[in-house]
């Protein structure tokens, strides 16, 4: 099954029989550099997948040697002649796409086989987890051309922390997949030929979990993170666990566990 809500052929989307959706940056000749059309296509796909109850997991992948070189050169040339208002609209489109990916009510995995520069680091940061080839590399390169990684900054800082961001935002150093894993940007680093095997391992793990529970667990993280552990938070979390225990999925999952059977969301 496939989904293609826009005419941008540089982004494709397919959904397999398990409910695994793969959104693919498909412009390898330009190292999957993105422009306003690709950003709009990504936004459309993410919105569509968010509302599709049959989708269990979303994988963000790309074709070719590079994951993404960041902003497309011709797009940057156009932006250079934009007014402030036009640049603001352009930035809002990117920011909205990133936020949609970040808050997608499905688990998301970035599959990073090669270089990820500039805004591509933002895409990886917005995913819940990332698997990378050992030859992948990363760079927050904006300051090299007199710009800043503004719209991606909240997500990158969440992923790697303020201390590391203070270095890589200002030095524009290229860093390895191994370093990205140490920083928390990447979950797993494997040899390139093992990349899909590791991706499949994570998919199997995720598909074994209750789909509604996974969505609520992700929502819980956003709602609780950074808040003081006060009476309001304690009451809120107690209500959440009580609510899901009596839900249809919670009852089915608990019953299957107690009866030592597979829950209904696991397809044999």
C-alpha atoms as a PDB file:
ATOM      1  CA  UNK A   1       0.000   0.000   0.000  1.00  0.00           C
ATOM      2  CA  UNK A   2       1.302   3.464  -0.757  1.00  0.00           C
ATOM      3  CA  UNK A   3       0.423   7.013   0.152  1.00  0.00           C
ATOM      4  CA  UNK A   4       1.414  10.089  -1.845  1.00  0.00           C
ATOM      5  CA  UNK A   5      -0.624  13.143  -0.869  1.00  0.00           C
ATOM      6  CA  UNK A   6       1.508  15.595  -2.872  1.00  0.00           C
ATOM      7  CA  UNK A   7       3.030  15.666  -6.337  1.00  0.00           C
ATOM      8  CA  UNK A   8       6.597  15.981  -5.019  1.00  0.00           C
ATOM      9  CA  UNK A   9       8.409  12.894  -6.335  1.00  0.00           C
ATOM     10  CA  UNK A  10      11.420  13.703  -4.150  1.00  0.00           C
ATOM     11  CA  UNK A  11       9.492  12.218  -1.202  1.00  0.00           C
ATOM     12  CA  UNK A  12       7.775   8.838  -1.328  1.00  0.00           C
ATOM     13  CA  UNK A  13       5.713   6.950   1.213  1.00  0.00           C
ATOM     14  CA  UNK A  14       4.837   3.270   1.442  1.00  0.00           C
ATOM     15  CA  UNK A  15       2.961   1.281   4.076  1.00  0.00           C
ATOM     16  CA  UNK A  16       3.478  -2.467   4.466  1.00  0.00           C
ATOM     17  CA  UNK A  17       1.029  -5.094   5.684  1.00  0.00           C
ATOM     18  CA  UNK A  18       2.274  -4.697   9.266  1.00  0.00           C
ATOM     19  CA  UNK A  19       1.444  -1.006   9.359  1.00  0.00           C
ATOM     20  CA  UNK A  20       5.068   0.142   9.011  1.00  0.00           C
ATOM     21  CA  UNK A  21       5.147   3.369   6.995  1.00  0.00           C
ATOM     22  CA  UNK A  22       8.399   4.369   5.322  1.00  0.00           C
ATOM     23  CA  UNK A  23       8.779   7.986   4.267  1.00  0.00           C
ATOM     24  CA  UNK A  24      11.755   8.235   1.925  1.00  0.00           C
ATOM     25  CA  UNK A  25      13.761  11.238   0.766  1.00  0.00           C
ATOM     26  CA  UNK A  26      14.188  10.273  -2.860  1.00  0.00           C
ATOM     27  CA  UNK A  27      16.496  12.771  -4.555  1.00  0.00           C
ATOM     28  CA  UNK A  28      19.888  11.017  -4.411  1.00  0.00           C
ATOM     29  CA  UNK A  29      21.399  13.048  -7.258  1.00  0.00           C
ATOM     30  CA  UNK A  30      21.185  16.093  -4.985  1.00  0.00           C
ATOM     31  CA  UNK A  31      22.104  14.101  -1.848  1.00  0.00           C
ATOM     32  CA  UNK A  32      18.466  14.463  -0.731  1.00  0.00           C
ATOM     33  CA  UNK A  33      18.891  18.170  -0.077  1.00  0.00           C
ATOM     34  CA  UNK A  34      15.490  19.622   0.687  1.00  0.00           C
ATOM     35  CA  UNK A  35      13.589  22.662  -0.479  1.00  0.00           C
ATOM     36  CA  UNK A  36      10.158  24.148   0.109  1.00  0.00           C
ATOM     37  CA  UNK A  37       8.456  21.507  -2.082  1.00  0.00           C
ATOM     38  CA  UNK A  38      10.053  18.640  -0.176  1.00  0.00           C
ATOM     39  CA  UNK A  39       9.176  20.271   3.159  1.00  0.00           C
ATOM     40  CA  UNK A  40       5.535  20.592   2.054  1.00  0.00           C
ATOM     41  CA  UNK A  41       5.499  16.951   0.920  1.00  0.00           C
ATOM     42  CA  UNK A  42       6.986  15.754   4.215  1.00  0.00           C
ATOM     43  CA  UNK A  43       4.393  17.775   6.143  1.00  0.00           C
ATOM     44  CA  UNK A  44       1.568  16.258   4.113  1.00  0.00           C
ATOM     45  CA  UNK A  45       2.841  12.723   4.621  1.00  0.00           C
ATOM     46  CA  UNK A  46       3.341  13.187   8.369  1.00  0.00           C
ATOM     47  CA  UNK A  47      -0.162  14.674   8.797  1.00  0.00           C
ATOM     48  CA  UNK A  48      -1.693  11.815   6.803  1.00  0.00           C
ATOM     49  CA  UNK A  49       0.184   9.130   8.723  1.00  0.00           C
ATOM     50  CA  UNK A  50      -0.706  10.702  12.076  1.00  0.00           C
ATOM     51  CA  UNK A  51      -4.398  10.234  11.283  1.00  0.00           C
ATOM     52  CA  UNK A  52      -4.102   6.706   9.860  1.00  0.00           C
ATOM     53  CA  UNK A  53      -5.066   4.212  12.567  1.00  0.00           C
ATOM     54  CA  UNK A  54      -3.560   1.395  10.520  1.00  0.00           C
ATOM     55  CA  UNK A  55      -0.061   2.853  10.781  1.00  0.00           C
ATOM     56  CA  UNK A  56       1.927   1.464  13.710  1.00  0.00           C
ATOM     57  CA  UNK A  57       5.448   2.826  13.122  1.00  0.00           C
ATOM     58  CA  UNK A  58       6.962   5.477  10.845  1.00  0.00           C
ATOM     59  CA  UNK A  59      10.471   5.110   9.408  1.00  0.00           C
ATOM     60  CA  UNK A  60      12.227   8.143   7.923  1.00  0.00           C
ATOM     61  CA  UNK A  61      14.750   6.964   5.326  1.00  0.00           C
ATOM     62  CA  UNK A  62      16.522   8.181   2.209  1.00  0.00           C
ATOM     63  CA  UNK A  63      18.010   6.896  -1.033  1.00  0.00           C
ATOM     64  CA  UNK A  64      21.621   7.044  -2.133  1.00  0.00           C
ATOM     65  CA  UNK A  65      24.881   7.636  -0.322  1.00  0.00           C
ATOM     66  CA  UNK A  66      23.699  10.581   1.788  1.00  0.00           C
ATOM     67  CA  UNK A  67      20.837  10.800   4.254  1.00  0.00           C
ATOM     68  CA  UNK A  68      20.415  14.501   3.444  1.00  0.00           C
ATOM     69  CA  UNK A  69      22.761  17.369   2.664  1.00  0.00           C
ATOM     70  CA  UNK A  70      20.395  19.847   4.319  1.00  0.00           C
ATOM     71  CA  UNK A  71      19.070  22.806   2.358  1.00  0.00           C
ATOM     72  CA  UNK A  72      19.073  22.670  -1.440  1.00  0.00           C
ATOM     73  CA  UNK A  73      21.421  25.164  -3.116  1.00  0.00           C
ATOM     74  CA  UNK A  74      18.785  26.551  -5.498  1.00  0.00           C
ATOM     75  CA  UNK A  75      16.364  26.982  -2.611  1.00  0.00           C
ATOM     76  CA  UNK A  76      19.016  28.907  -0.669  1.00  0.00           C
ATOM     77  CA  UNK A  77      19.581  31.139  -3.714  1.00  0.00           C
ATOM     78  CA  UNK A  78      15.870  31.931  -3.810  1.00  0.00           C
ATOM     79  CA  UNK A  79      15.754  32.596  -0.068  1.00  0.00           C
ATOM     80  CA  UNK A  80      18.633  35.058  -0.390  1.00  0.00           C
ATOM     81  CA  UNK A  81      16.353  37.355  -2.404  1.00  0.00           C
ATOM     82  CA  UNK A  82      13.307  36.921  -0.135  1.00  0.00           C
ATOM     83  CA  UNK A  83      11.995  39.727   2.052  1.00  0.00           C
ATOM     84  CA  UNK A  84      11.824  39.261   5.822  1.00  0.00           C
ATOM     85  CA  UNK A  85       8.129  38.364   5.575  1.00  0.00           C
ATOM     86  CA  UNK A  86       8.804  35.782   2.849  1.00  0.00           C
ATOM     87  CA  UNK A  87      11.639  34.281   4.887  1.00  0.00           C
ATOM     88  CA  UNK A  88       9.372  34.141   7.918  1.00  0.00           C
ATOM     89  CA  UNK A  89       6.714  32.195   5.985  1.00  0.00           C
ATOM     90  CA  UNK A  90       9.390  29.871   4.675  1.00  0.00           C
ATOM     91  CA  UNK A  91      10.802  29.283   8.166  1.00  0.00           C
ATOM     92  CA  UNK A  92       7.322  28.628   9.561  1.00  0.00           C
ATOM     93  CA  UNK A  93       6.718  25.923   6.967  1.00  0.00           C
ATOM     94  CA  UNK A  94       9.908  24.132   8.049  1.00  0.00           C
ATOM     95  CA  UNK A  95       9.153  24.634  11.741  1.00  0.00           C
ATOM     96  CA  UNK A  96       5.626  23.245  11.351  1.00  0.00           C
ATOM     97  CA  UNK A  97       6.919  20.179   9.494  1.00  0.00           C
ATOM     98  CA  UNK A  98       9.493  19.489  12.220  1.00  0.00           C
ATOM     99  CA  UNK A  99       6.889  19.883  14.967  1.00  0.00           C
ATOM    100  CA  UNK A 100       4.514  17.514  13.160  1.00  0.00           C
ATOM    101  CA  UNK A 101       7.239  14.876  12.967  1.00  0.00           C
ATOM    102  CA  UNK A 102       8.314  15.480  16.559  1.00  0.00           C
ATOM    103  CA  UNK A 103       4.804  15.007  17.947  1.00  0.00           C
ATOM    104  CA  UNK A 104       3.647  12.260  15.572  1.00  0.00           C
ATOM    105  CA  UNK A 105       1.477   9.879  17.657  1.00  0.00           C
ATOM    106  CA  UNK A 106       3.401   6.875  16.353  1.00  0.00           C
ATOM    107  CA  UNK A 107       6.941   5.758  17.172  1.00  0.00           C
ATOM    108  CA  UNK A 108       9.399   7.152  14.630  1.00  0.00           C
ATOM    109  CA  UNK A 109      12.784   5.811  13.550  1.00  0.00           C
ATOM    110  CA  UNK A 110      15.375   7.619  11.434  1.00  0.00           C
ATOM    111  CA  UNK A 111      17.418   5.304   9.210  1.00  0.00           C
ATOM    112  CA  UNK A 112      20.668   7.181   8.567  1.00  0.00           C
ATOM    113  CA  UNK A 113      22.962   5.552   6.025  1.00  0.00           C
ATOM    114  CA  UNK A 114      25.182   8.528   5.193  1.00  0.00           C
ATOM    115  CA  UNK A 115      25.879  12.211   5.758  1.00  0.00           C
ATOM    116  CA  UNK A 116      23.226  14.284   7.558  1.00  0.00           C
ATOM    117  CA  UNK A 117      23.925  18.011   7.428  1.00  0.00           C
ATOM    118  CA  UNK A 118      22.146  21.107   8.685  1.00  0.00           C
ATOM    119  CA  UNK A 119      18.376  20.649   8.765  1.00  0.00           C
ATOM    120  CA  UNK A 120      18.811  16.895   8.343  1.00  0.00           C
ATOM    121  CA  UNK A 121      20.177  16.788  11.893  1.00  0.00           C
ATOM    122  CA  UNK A 122      16.869  18.370  12.889  1.00  0.00           C
ATOM    123  CA  UNK A 123      14.931  15.614  11.138  1.00  0.00           C
ATOM    124  CA  UNK A 124      16.924  12.951  13.004  1.00  0.00           C
ATOM    125  CA  UNK A 125      16.444  14.817  16.294  1.00  0.00           C
ATOM    126  CA  UNK A 126      12.663  14.877  15.795  1.00  0.00           C
ATOM    127  CA  UNK A 127      12.501  11.088  15.516  1.00  0.00           C
ATOM    128  CA  UNK A 128      12.095   8.982  18.651  1.00  0.00           C
ATOM    129  CA  UNK A 129      15.151   6.925  17.789  1.00  0.00           C
ATOM    130  CA  UNK A 130      17.748   6.630  15.048  1.00  0.00           C
ATOM    131  CA  UNK A 131      19.854   3.816  13.657  1.00  0.00           C
ATOM    132  CA  UNK A 132      22.946   4.845  11.741  1.00  0.00           C
ATOM    133  CA  UNK A 133      25.541   3.244   9.551  1.00  0.00           C
ATOM    134  CA  UNK A 134      29.065   3.434  10.904  1.00  0.00           C
ATOM    135  CA  UNK A 135      29.977   5.577   7.892  1.00  0.00           C
ATOM    136  CA  UNK A 136      27.243   8.153   8.621  1.00  0.00           C
ATOM    137  CA  UNK A 137      28.348  11.601   9.689  1.00  0.00           C
ATOM    138  CA  UNK A 138      26.659  14.706  11.014  1.00  0.00           C
ATOM    139  CA  UNK A 139      27.239  18.449  10.834  1.00  0.00           C
ATOM    140  CA  UNK A 140      25.398  21.538  12.018  1.00  0.00           C
ATOM    141  CA  UNK A 141      26.916  23.560   9.224  1.00  0.00           C
ATOM    142  CA  UNK A 142      24.773  26.715   9.196  1.00  0.00           C
ATOM    143  CA  UNK A 143      27.317  29.147  10.672  1.00  0.00           C
ATOM    144  CA  UNK A 144      29.741  28.355   7.854  1.00  0.00           C
ATOM    145  CA  UNK A 145      27.522  30.396   5.533  1.00  0.00           C
ATOM    146  CA  UNK A 146      26.581  33.022   8.099  1.00  0.00           C
ATOM    147  CA  UNK A 147      23.307  31.463   9.230  1.00  0.00           C
ATOM    148  CA  UNK A 148      22.110  29.750  12.428  1.00  0.00           C
ATOM    149  CA  UNK A 149      20.324  26.403  13.026  1.00  0.00           C
ATOM    150  CA  UNK A 150      17.311  28.253  14.394  1.00  0.00           C
ATOM    151  CA  UNK A 151      14.202  26.207  13.564  1.00  0.00           C
ATOM    152  CA  UNK A 152      15.885  22.890  14.334  1.00  0.00           C
ATOM    153  CA  UNK A 153      17.508  24.123  17.554  1.00  0.00           C
ATOM    154  CA  UNK A 154      14.823  23.052  20.099  1.00  0.00           C
ATOM    155  CA  UNK A 155      14.906  19.482  18.816  1.00  0.00           C
ATOM    156  CA  UNK A 156      18.682  19.230  18.462  1.00  0.00           C
ATOM    157  CA  UNK A 157      19.241  20.639  21.954  1.00  0.00           C
ATOM    158  CA  UNK A 158      16.710  18.132  23.338  1.00  0.00           C
ATOM    159  CA  UNK A 159      18.594  15.350  21.576  1.00  0.00           C
ATOM    160  CA  UNK A 160      22.238  16.206  22.385  1.00  0.00           C
ATOM    161  CA  UNK A 161      21.997  18.612  25.318  1.00  0.00           C
ATOM    162  CA  UNK A 162      22.975  22.251  25.663  1.00  0.00           C
ATOM    163  CA  UNK A 163      26.687  21.649  26.273  1.00  0.00           C
ATOM    164  CA  UNK A 164      27.233  19.690  23.060  1.00  0.00           C
ATOM    165  CA  UNK A 165      24.992  22.071  21.127  1.00  0.00           C
ATOM    166  CA  UNK A 166      27.102  25.034  22.273  1.00  0.00           C
ATOM    167  CA  UNK A 167      30.075  23.375  20.617  1.00  0.00           C
ATOM    168  CA  UNK A 168      28.585  22.032  17.404  1.00  0.00           C
ATOM    169  CA  UNK A 169      26.319  25.026  16.731  1.00  0.00           C
ATOM    170  CA  UNK A 170      29.366  27.308  16.760  1.00  0.00           C
ATOM    171  CA  UNK A 171      32.179  25.156  15.347  1.00  0.00           C
ATOM    172  CA  UNK A 172      30.234  23.504  12.497  1.00  0.00           C
ATOM    173  CA  UNK A 173      32.489  20.488  12.977  1.00  0.00           C
ATOM    174  CA  UNK A 174      31.623  17.272  11.234  1.00  0.00           C
ATOM    175  CA  UNK A 175      31.197  14.419  13.731  1.00  0.00           C
ATOM    176  CA  UNK A 176      30.932  10.676  13.359  1.00  0.00           C
ATOM    177  CA  UNK A 177      28.052   8.285  13.930  1.00  0.00           C
ATOM    178  CA  UNK A 178      29.881   6.976  16.988  1.00  0.00           C
ATOM    179  CA  UNK A 179      30.104  10.493  18.402  1.00  0.00           C
ATOM    180  CA  UNK A 180      26.432  11.043  17.569  1.00  0.00           C
ATOM    181  CA  UNK A 181      25.584   7.932  19.572  1.00  0.00           C
ATOM    182  CA  UNK A 182      27.597   9.176  22.546  1.00  0.00           C
ATOM    183  CA  UNK A 183      25.706  12.472  22.381  1.00  0.00           C
ATOM    184  CA  UNK A 184      22.327  10.719  22.229  1.00  0.00           C
ATOM    185  CA  UNK A 185      21.426  11.808  18.689  1.00  0.00           C
ATOM    186  CA  UNK A 186      21.698   8.235  17.415  1.00  0.00           C
ATOM    187  CA  UNK A 187      20.435   5.162  19.264  1.00  0.00           C
ATOM    188  CA  UNK A 188      22.434   2.441  17.492  1.00  0.00           C
ATOM    189  CA  UNK A 189      25.454   2.394  15.158  1.00  0.00           C
ATOM    190  CA  UNK A 190      26.059  -0.673  13.002  1.00  0.00           C
ATOM    191  CA  UNK A 191      27.978  -1.595   9.875  1.00  0.00           C
ATOM    192  CA  UNK A 192      26.118  -0.530   6.757  1.00  0.00           C
ATOM    193  CA  UNK A 193      25.195  -4.086   5.774  1.00  0.00           C
ATOM    194  CA  UNK A 194      23.566  -4.540   9.210  1.00  0.00           C
ATOM    195  CA  UNK A 195      21.518  -1.342   9.075  1.00  0.00           C
ATOM    196  CA  UNK A 196      18.266  -2.952   7.937  1.00  0.00           C
ATOM    197  CA  UNK A 197      18.716  -5.860  10.345  1.00  0.00           C
ATOM    198  CA  UNK A 198      18.953  -3.436  13.263  1.00  0.00           C
ATOM    199  CA  UNK A 199      16.007  -1.450  11.925  1.00  0.00           C
ATOM    200  CA  UNK A 200      13.959  -4.640  11.730  1.00  0.00           C
ATOM    201  CA  UNK A 201      14.883  -5.525  15.308  1.00  0.00           C
ATOM    202  CA  UNK A 202      13.492  -2.203  16.520  1.00  0.00           C
ATOM    203  CA  UNK A 203      10.385  -2.584  14.374  1.00  0.00           C
ATOM    204  CA  UNK A 204       9.705  -6.040  15.816  1.00  0.00           C
ATOM    205  CA  UNK A 205      10.093  -4.641  19.330  1.00  0.00           C
ATOM    206  CA  UNK A 206       7.705  -1.761  18.647  1.00  0.00           C
ATOM    207  CA  UNK A 207       5.090  -3.879  16.875  1.00  0.00           C
ATOM    208  CA  UNK A 208       4.892  -6.135  19.926  1.00  0.00           C
ATOM    209  CA  UNK A 209       3.506  -3.263  22.000  1.00  0.00           C
ATOM    210  CA  UNK A 210      -0.040  -1.939  22.300  1.00  0.00           C
ATOM    211  CA  UNK A 211      -0.501   0.768  19.631  1.00  0.00           C
ATOM    212  CA  UNK A 212      -2.685   2.983  21.811  1.00  0.00           C
ATOM    213  CA  UNK A 213      -0.347   2.514  24.757  1.00  0.00           C
ATOM    214  CA  UNK A 214       2.628   3.535  22.611  1.00  0.00           C
ATOM    215  CA  UNK A 215       0.853   6.714  21.484  1.00  0.00           C
ATOM    216  CA  UNK A 216      -0.114   7.558  25.061  1.00  0.00           C
ATOM    217  CA  UNK A 217       3.405   6.807  26.319  1.00  0.00           C
ATOM    218  CA  UNK A 218       4.791   9.309  23.812  1.00  0.00           C
ATOM    219  CA  UNK A 219       2.172  11.874  24.852  1.00  0.00           C
ATOM    220  CA  UNK A 220       3.040  11.210  28.499  1.00  0.00           C
ATOM    221  CA  UNK A 221       6.686  11.964  27.868  1.00  0.00           C
ATOM    222  CA  UNK A 222       5.926  15.367  26.338  1.00  0.00           C
ATOM    223  CA  UNK A 223       3.444  16.278  29.064  1.00  0.00           C
ATOM    224  CA  UNK A 224       5.589  15.244  32.040  1.00  0.00           C
ATOM    225  CA  UNK A 225       9.119  16.108  30.908  1.00  0.00           C
ATOM    226  CA  UNK A 226      10.520  19.169  32.646  1.00  0.00           C
ATOM    227  CA  UNK A 227       7.626  19.580  35.064  1.00  0.00           C
ATOM    228  CA  UNK A 228       8.169  19.520  38.823  1.00  0.00           C
ATOM    229  CA  UNK A 229       6.957  16.341  40.528  1.00  0.00           C
ATOM    230  CA  UNK A 230       4.153  18.065  42.411  1.00  0.00           C
ATOM    231  CA  UNK A 231       0.621  17.090  43.395  1.00  0.00           C
ATOM    232  CA  UNK A 232      -0.694  18.063  39.956  1.00  0.00           C
ATOM    233  CA  UNK A 233       1.746  15.790  38.109  1.00  0.00           C
ATOM    234  CA  UNK A 234       1.137  12.920  40.528  1.00  0.00           C
ATOM    235  CA  UNK A 235      -2.635  13.221  40.120  1.00  0.00           C
ATOM    236  CA  UNK A 236      -2.310  13.453  36.341  1.00  0.00           C
ATOM    237  CA  UNK A 237      -0.144  10.331  36.048  1.00  0.00           C
ATOM    238  CA  UNK A 238      -2.439   8.379  38.371  1.00  0.00           C
ATOM    239  CA  UNK A 239      -5.431   9.279  36.192  1.00  0.00           C
ATOM    240  CA  UNK A 240      -3.565   8.187  33.074  1.00  0.00           C
ATOM    241  CA  UNK A 241      -2.682   4.719  34.362  1.00  0.00           C
ATOM    242  CA  UNK A 242      -6.184   4.196  35.786  1.00  0.00           C
ATOM    243  CA  UNK A 243      -7.726   5.227  32.472  1.00  0.00           C
ATOM    244  CA  UNK A 244      -5.625   2.912  30.327  1.00  0.00           C
ATOM    245  CA  UNK A 245      -6.093  -0.029  32.711  1.00  0.00           C
ATOM    246  CA  UNK A 246      -9.840   0.058  32.102  1.00  0.00           C
ATOM    247  CA  UNK A 247      -9.528   0.767  28.367  1.00  0.00           C
ATOM    248  CA  UNK A 248     -10.250  -1.894  25.754  1.00  0.00           C
ATOM    249  CA  UNK A 249      -6.571  -2.226  24.833  1.00  0.00           C
ATOM    250  CA  UNK A 250      -5.430  -2.242  28.447  1.00  0.00           C
ATOM    251  CA  UNK A 251      -7.929  -4.942  29.374  1.00  0.00           C
ATOM    252  CA  UNK A 252      -6.946  -7.041  26.356  1.00  0.00           C
ATOM    253  CA  UNK A 253      -3.246  -6.679  27.097  1.00  0.00           C
ATOM    254  CA  UNK A 254      -3.561  -7.485  30.788  1.00  0.00           C
ATOM    255  CA  UNK A 255      -5.828 -10.441  30.047  1.00  0.00           C
ATOM    256  CA  UNK A 256      -3.433 -11.858  27.469  1.00  0.00           C
ATOM    257  CA  UNK A 257      -0.482 -11.436  29.827  1.00  0.00           C
ATOM    258  CA  UNK A 258      -2.249 -13.169  32.709  1.00  0.00           C
ATOM    259  CA  UNK A 259      -3.455 -15.968  30.428  1.00  0.00           C
ATOM    260  CA  UNK A 260       0.031 -16.298  28.882  1.00  0.00           C
ATOM    261  CA  UNK A 261      -1.327 -15.588  25.415  1.00  0.00           C
ATOM    262  CA  UNK A 262      -0.345 -13.147  22.702  1.00  0.00           C
ATOM    263  CA  UNK A 263      -2.195  -9.811  22.791  1.00  0.00           C
ATOM    264  CA  UNK A 264      -4.522  -9.067  19.857  1.00  0.00           C
ATOM    265  CA  UNK A 265      -2.192  -6.499  18.248  1.00  0.00           C
ATOM    266  CA  UNK A 266       0.501  -9.102  17.566  1.00  0.00           C
ATOM    267  CA  UNK A 267      -0.066 -10.638  14.140  1.00  0.00           C
ATOM    268  CA  UNK A 268       1.215 -14.168  13.878  1.00  0.00           C
END
